[in-house]
Amino acid sequence: MKSEITVVIADDHPIVRQGLRQAIETDQSLKIVGEAGDGRVAFEQIKALVPDVAVLDIDMPEKDGFAVATAIRAEKLQVAVIFLTIHREEELFQAAMDMGVRGYVLKDSATTDIIAGIKTVAAGNPYISPSLSAYLINRRTRANALAKEKPGIEELTTMERRILRLIAEEKTSKEIAEELFISHRTVETHRTHIARKLDLHGSLALVKFAMAHKSQL
């Protein structure tokens, strides 16, 4: 691990950002190089500074955390992402993990968890708030069960898994394209690849599969 870990923090609440900064700056090995109040500015700073870690609120104006993380991946920036959130819903956690987010920290424990989270993801390992550890166990259990039923699920890329989850949410290809900042044609190509890998046939087979296995994706 580098002797100094650079960090960009983004949250639309100034008090939250101040609390994060105060907590992070207690560790001299961590250096905040950028701070933003919305997703658009956050991504601009991340692209310009390429920090080791980006701590992103999921709910932000302009671009939410998912949109910023998607843009980071699209630009192939070597930045580890930690989502900061008030949300405890397991579906949201699963979606974050599926798109390659390395850390998931609850706001109510952020001041105590954030330093460990930053250091852990900077070292290439996943980190989630300890109170959500059961989600990882559930994730592995469901994934293993689905993999036995449909071995092809293991062949899906991170983007294909994200799209499959959005299909399970009954979103159209157009809505998926807008959310992921990709073209409609690209979404359709991904859908074709997903259906082939899962050995699904017929125009509605993929939608039915996604909705039936939503909790396992």
Protein backbone atom coordinates (compact mmCIF):
# COMPACT_ATOMS: atom_id res chain seq x y z
CA MET A 1 0.00 0.00 0.00
CA LYS A 2 1.15 3.55 -0.71
CA SER A 3 2.49 5.57 2.22
CA GLU A 4 -0.13 8.24 1.46
CA ILE A 5 -3.65 7.44 0.26
CA THR A 6 -5.40 10.20 -1.68
CA VAL A 7 -9.14 10.63 -1.29
CA VAL A 8 -12.01 12.57 -2.88
CA ILE A 9 -15.19 12.88 -0.82
CA ALA A 10 -18.62 13.75 -2.22
CA ASP A 11 -21.85 14.40 -0.35
CA ASP A 12 -24.49 17.06 -0.87
CA HIS A 13 -24.69 17.83 2.86
CA PRO A 14 -21.89 20.18 4.04
CA ILE A 15 -22.15 18.94 7.63
CA VAL A 16 -21.61 15.34 6.50
CA ARG A 17 -18.60 16.36 4.42
CA GLN A 18 -17.17 18.29 7.35
CA GLY A 19 -17.59 15.28 9.63
CA LEU A 20 -15.93 13.01 7.08
CA ARG A 21 -13.03 15.40 6.61
CA GLN A 22 -12.46 15.69 10.35
CA ALA A 23 -12.52 11.91 10.77
CA ILE A 24 -10.25 11.21 7.80
CA GLU A 25 -7.73 13.91 8.66
CA THR A 26 -7.04 12.32 12.04
CA ASP A 27 -4.95 9.76 10.11
CA GLN A 28 -1.82 11.29 8.59
CA SER A 29 -1.57 8.55 5.96
CA LEU A 30 -4.80 9.78 4.34
CA LYS A 31 -4.97 12.97 2.27
CA ILE A 32 -8.18 14.55 1.00
CA VAL A 33 -7.41 16.06 -2.40
CA GLY A 34 -10.94 16.94 -3.47
CA GLU A 35 -14.42 17.60 -2.11
CA ALA A 36 -17.74 17.94 -3.92
CA GLY A 37 -21.39 18.61 -3.17
CA ASP A 38 -22.85 16.91 -6.23
CA GLY A 39 -22.07 14.00 -8.53
CA ARG A 40 -21.12 16.07 -11.56
CA VAL A 41 -18.42 18.00 -9.72
CA ALA A 42 -17.34 14.82 -7.97
CA PHE A 43 -16.68 13.06 -11.25
CA GLU A 44 -14.86 16.07 -12.68
CA GLN A 45 -12.53 16.08 -9.66
CA ILE A 46 -12.05 12.31 -9.76
CA LYS A 47 -11.20 12.42 -13.46
CA ALA A 48 -8.75 15.28 -12.98
CA LEU A 49 -7.10 14.05 -9.77
CA VAL A 50 -7.45 10.24 -10.04
CA PRO A 51 -7.39 9.67 -6.27
CA ASP A 52 -6.77 6.26 -4.77
CA VAL A 53 -10.25 6.24 -3.23
CA ALA A 54 -13.52 8.06 -3.91
CA VAL A 55 -16.06 8.22 -1.08
CA LEU A 56 -19.44 8.87 -2.71
CA ASP A 57 -22.86 9.49 -1.26
CA ILE A 58 -25.37 7.38 -3.20
CA ASP A 59 -28.02 10.13 -3.18
CA MET A 60 -26.56 13.25 -4.80
CA PRO A 61 -27.90 15.83 -7.28
CA GLU A 62 -26.66 15.96 -10.89
CA LYS A 63 -25.26 12.40 -10.75
CA ASP A 64 -25.97 9.87 -8.01
CA GLY A 65 -23.29 7.56 -6.67
CA PHE A 66 -24.16 4.80 -9.13
CA ALA A 67 -23.85 7.18 -12.07
CA VAL A 68 -20.48 8.47 -10.87
CA ALA A 69 -19.20 4.93 -10.30
CA THR A 70 -20.39 3.96 -13.79
CA ALA A 71 -18.57 6.95 -15.28
CA ILE A 72 -15.39 6.04 -13.38
CA ARG A 73 -15.53 2.54 -14.81
CA ALA A 74 -16.28 3.81 -18.31
CA GLU A 75 -13.17 6.01 -18.17
CA LYS A 76 -11.16 3.03 -16.79
CA LEU A 77 -9.91 5.16 -13.90
CA GLN A 78 -7.99 3.22 -11.27
CA VAL A 79 -10.06 4.54 -8.37
CA ALA A 80 -11.56 2.39 -5.61
CA VAL A 81 -15.11 3.46 -4.79
CA ILE A 82 -16.78 3.50 -1.39
CA PHE A 83 -20.50 4.20 -1.26
CA LEU A 84 -21.66 6.24 1.71
CA THR A 85 -25.37 5.87 2.41
CA ILE A 86 -28.28 5.93 4.82
CA HIS A 87 -29.85 3.01 2.95
CA ARG A 88 -29.85 -0.42 4.56
CA GLU A 89 -31.83 -2.14 1.80
CA GLU A 90 -30.04 -5.28 0.77
CA GLU A 91 -31.05 -4.87 -2.89
CA LEU A 92 -29.16 -1.59 -3.10
CA PHE A 93 -26.12 -3.17 -1.47
CA GLN A 94 -26.24 -6.06 -3.94
CA ALA A 95 -26.45 -3.65 -6.88
CA ALA A 96 -23.41 -1.76 -5.61
CA MET A 97 -21.39 -4.96 -5.24
CA ASP A 98 -22.44 -6.15 -8.70
CA MET A 99 -21.06 -3.01 -10.32
CA GLY A 100 -17.68 -3.33 -8.65
CA VAL A 101 -18.00 -0.89 -5.76
CA ARG A 102 -15.43 -1.98 -3.16
CA GLY A 103 -16.82 -0.33 -0.04
CA TYR A 104 -20.27 0.22 1.46
CA VAL A 105 -20.40 2.37 4.58
CA LEU A 106 -23.49 3.47 6.49
CA LYS A 107 -23.65 7.14 7.36
CA ASP A 108 -24.61 6.47 10.96
CA SER A 109 -21.28 4.70 11.50
CA ALA A 110 -19.18 6.61 8.96
CA THR A 111 -16.99 8.49 11.42
CA THR A 112 -15.87 5.21 13.00
CA ASP A 113 -15.79 3.08 9.84
CA ILE A 114 -14.44 5.41 7.18
CA ILE A 115 -10.70 5.23 7.95
CA ALA A 116 -10.71 1.43 8.03
CA GLY A 117 -12.85 1.44 4.90
CA ILE A 118 -10.50 3.68 2.94
CA LYS A 119 -7.40 1.73 3.93
CA THR A 120 -9.05 -1.61 3.18
CA VAL A 121 -10.29 -0.75 -0.31
CA ALA A 122 -7.04 1.05 -1.15
CA ALA A 123 -5.30 -2.26 -0.45
CA GLY A 124 -7.57 -3.96 -2.96
CA ASN A 125 -9.99 -5.58 -0.52
CA PRO A 126 -13.75 -5.10 0.00
CA TYR A 127 -15.11 -3.29 3.05
CA ILE A 128 -18.66 -2.95 4.37
CA SER A 129 -19.98 -1.59 7.64
CA PRO A 130 -19.84 -4.43 10.19
CA SER A 131 -23.59 -4.19 10.85
CA LEU A 132 -24.22 -5.29 7.25
CA SER A 133 -21.92 -8.31 7.30
CA ALA A 134 -24.90 -10.68 7.02
CA TYR A 135 -25.54 -9.28 3.53
CA LEU A 136 -22.28 -10.78 2.31
CA ILE A 137 -23.25 -14.19 3.68
CA ASN A 138 -26.68 -13.94 2.08
CA ARG A 139 -25.07 -12.85 -1.18
CA ARG A 140 -22.79 -15.88 -1.30
CA THR A 141 -25.59 -18.31 -0.36
CA ARG A 142 -28.02 -17.05 -3.00
CA ALA A 143 -25.33 -16.77 -5.65
CA ASN A 144 -24.24 -20.34 -5.06
CA ALA A 145 -27.81 -21.61 -5.35
CA LEU A 146 -28.41 -19.72 -8.59
CA ALA A 147 -25.10 -20.87 -10.04
CA LYS A 148 -26.16 -24.49 -9.53
CA GLU A 149 -29.45 -23.82 -11.29
CA LYS A 150 -27.96 -21.73 -14.08
CA PRO A 151 -24.18 -22.30 -14.39
CA GLY A 152 -24.02 -19.63 -17.10
CA ILE A 153 -24.60 -16.93 -14.47
CA GLU A 154 -20.93 -17.26 -13.55
CA GLU A 155 -19.98 -16.17 -17.06
CA LEU A 156 -21.77 -12.82 -16.83
CA THR A 157 -19.63 -9.69 -16.72
CA THR A 158 -20.14 -6.97 -14.09
CA MET A 159 -22.06 -4.86 -16.59
CA GLU A 160 -24.23 -7.80 -17.65
CA ARG A 161 -25.09 -8.50 -14.01
CA ARG A 162 -26.01 -4.85 -13.49
CA ILE A 163 -28.24 -4.92 -16.56
CA LEU A 164 -29.85 -8.16 -15.46
CA ARG A 165 -30.73 -6.55 -12.12
CA LEU A 166 -32.24 -3.56 -13.90
CA ILE A 167 -34.27 -5.90 -16.09
CA ALA A 168 -35.51 -7.52 -12.88
CA GLU A 169 -36.70 -4.05 -11.85
CA GLU A 170 -38.84 -4.05 -15.02
CA LYS A 171 -36.85 -1.28 -16.66
CA THR A 172 -36.87 -0.99 -20.43
CA SER A 173 -33.72 -1.00 -22.56
CA LYS A 174 -34.12 2.74 -23.03
CA GLU A 175 -34.34 3.35 -19.28
CA ILE A 176 -31.33 1.08 -18.68
CA ALA A 177 -29.33 2.92 -21.33
CA GLU A 178 -30.11 6.28 -19.72
CA GLU A 179 -29.22 5.05 -16.22
CA LEU A 180 -25.93 3.48 -17.26
CA PHE A 181 -24.97 6.18 -19.77
CA ILE A 182 -24.65 3.73 -22.64
CA SER A 183 -26.49 3.44 -25.94
CA HIS A 184 -29.75 1.59 -26.47
CA ARG A 185 -27.99 -0.63 -28.98
CA THR A 186 -25.32 -1.54 -26.41
CA VAL A 187 -28.02 -2.55 -23.93
CA GLU A 188 -29.67 -4.76 -26.55
CA THR A 189 -26.33 -6.40 -27.31
CA HIS A 190 -25.80 -7.10 -23.62
CA ARG A 191 -29.30 -8.57 -23.34
CA THR A 192 -28.54 -10.92 -26.22
CA HIS A 193 -25.30 -12.04 -24.59
CA ILE A 194 -26.99 -12.56 -21.21
CA ALA A 195 -29.76 -14.67 -22.74
CA ARG A 196 -27.23 -16.78 -24.62
CA LYS A 197 -25.09 -17.39 -21.53
CA LEU A 198 -28.17 -18.36 -19.51
CA ASP A 199 -29.58 -20.53 -22.30
CA LEU A 200 -32.80 -18.51 -22.40
CA HIS A 201 -34.92 -18.46 -25.55
CA GLY A 202 -37.82 -16.28 -26.61
CA SER A 203 -38.46 -12.54 -26.36
CA LEU A 204 -39.79 -12.61 -22.77
CA ALA A 205 -37.62 -15.39 -21.32
CA LEU A 206 -34.92 -13.04 -20.04
CA VAL A 207 -37.43 -10.73 -18.34
CA LYS A 208 -39.24 -13.66 -16.70
CA PHE A 209 -35.96 -15.15 -15.47
CA ALA A 210 -34.73 -11.82 -14.06
CA MET A 211 -37.97 -11.13 -12.21
CA ALA A 212 -38.22 -14.68 -10.85
CA HIS A 213 -34.65 -14.57 -9.48
CA LYS A 214 -34.46 -10.91 -8.46
CA SER A 215 -33.38 -11.67 -4.89
CA GLN A 216 -30.56 -13.93 -6.11
CA LEU A 217 -28.97 -11.58 -8.64
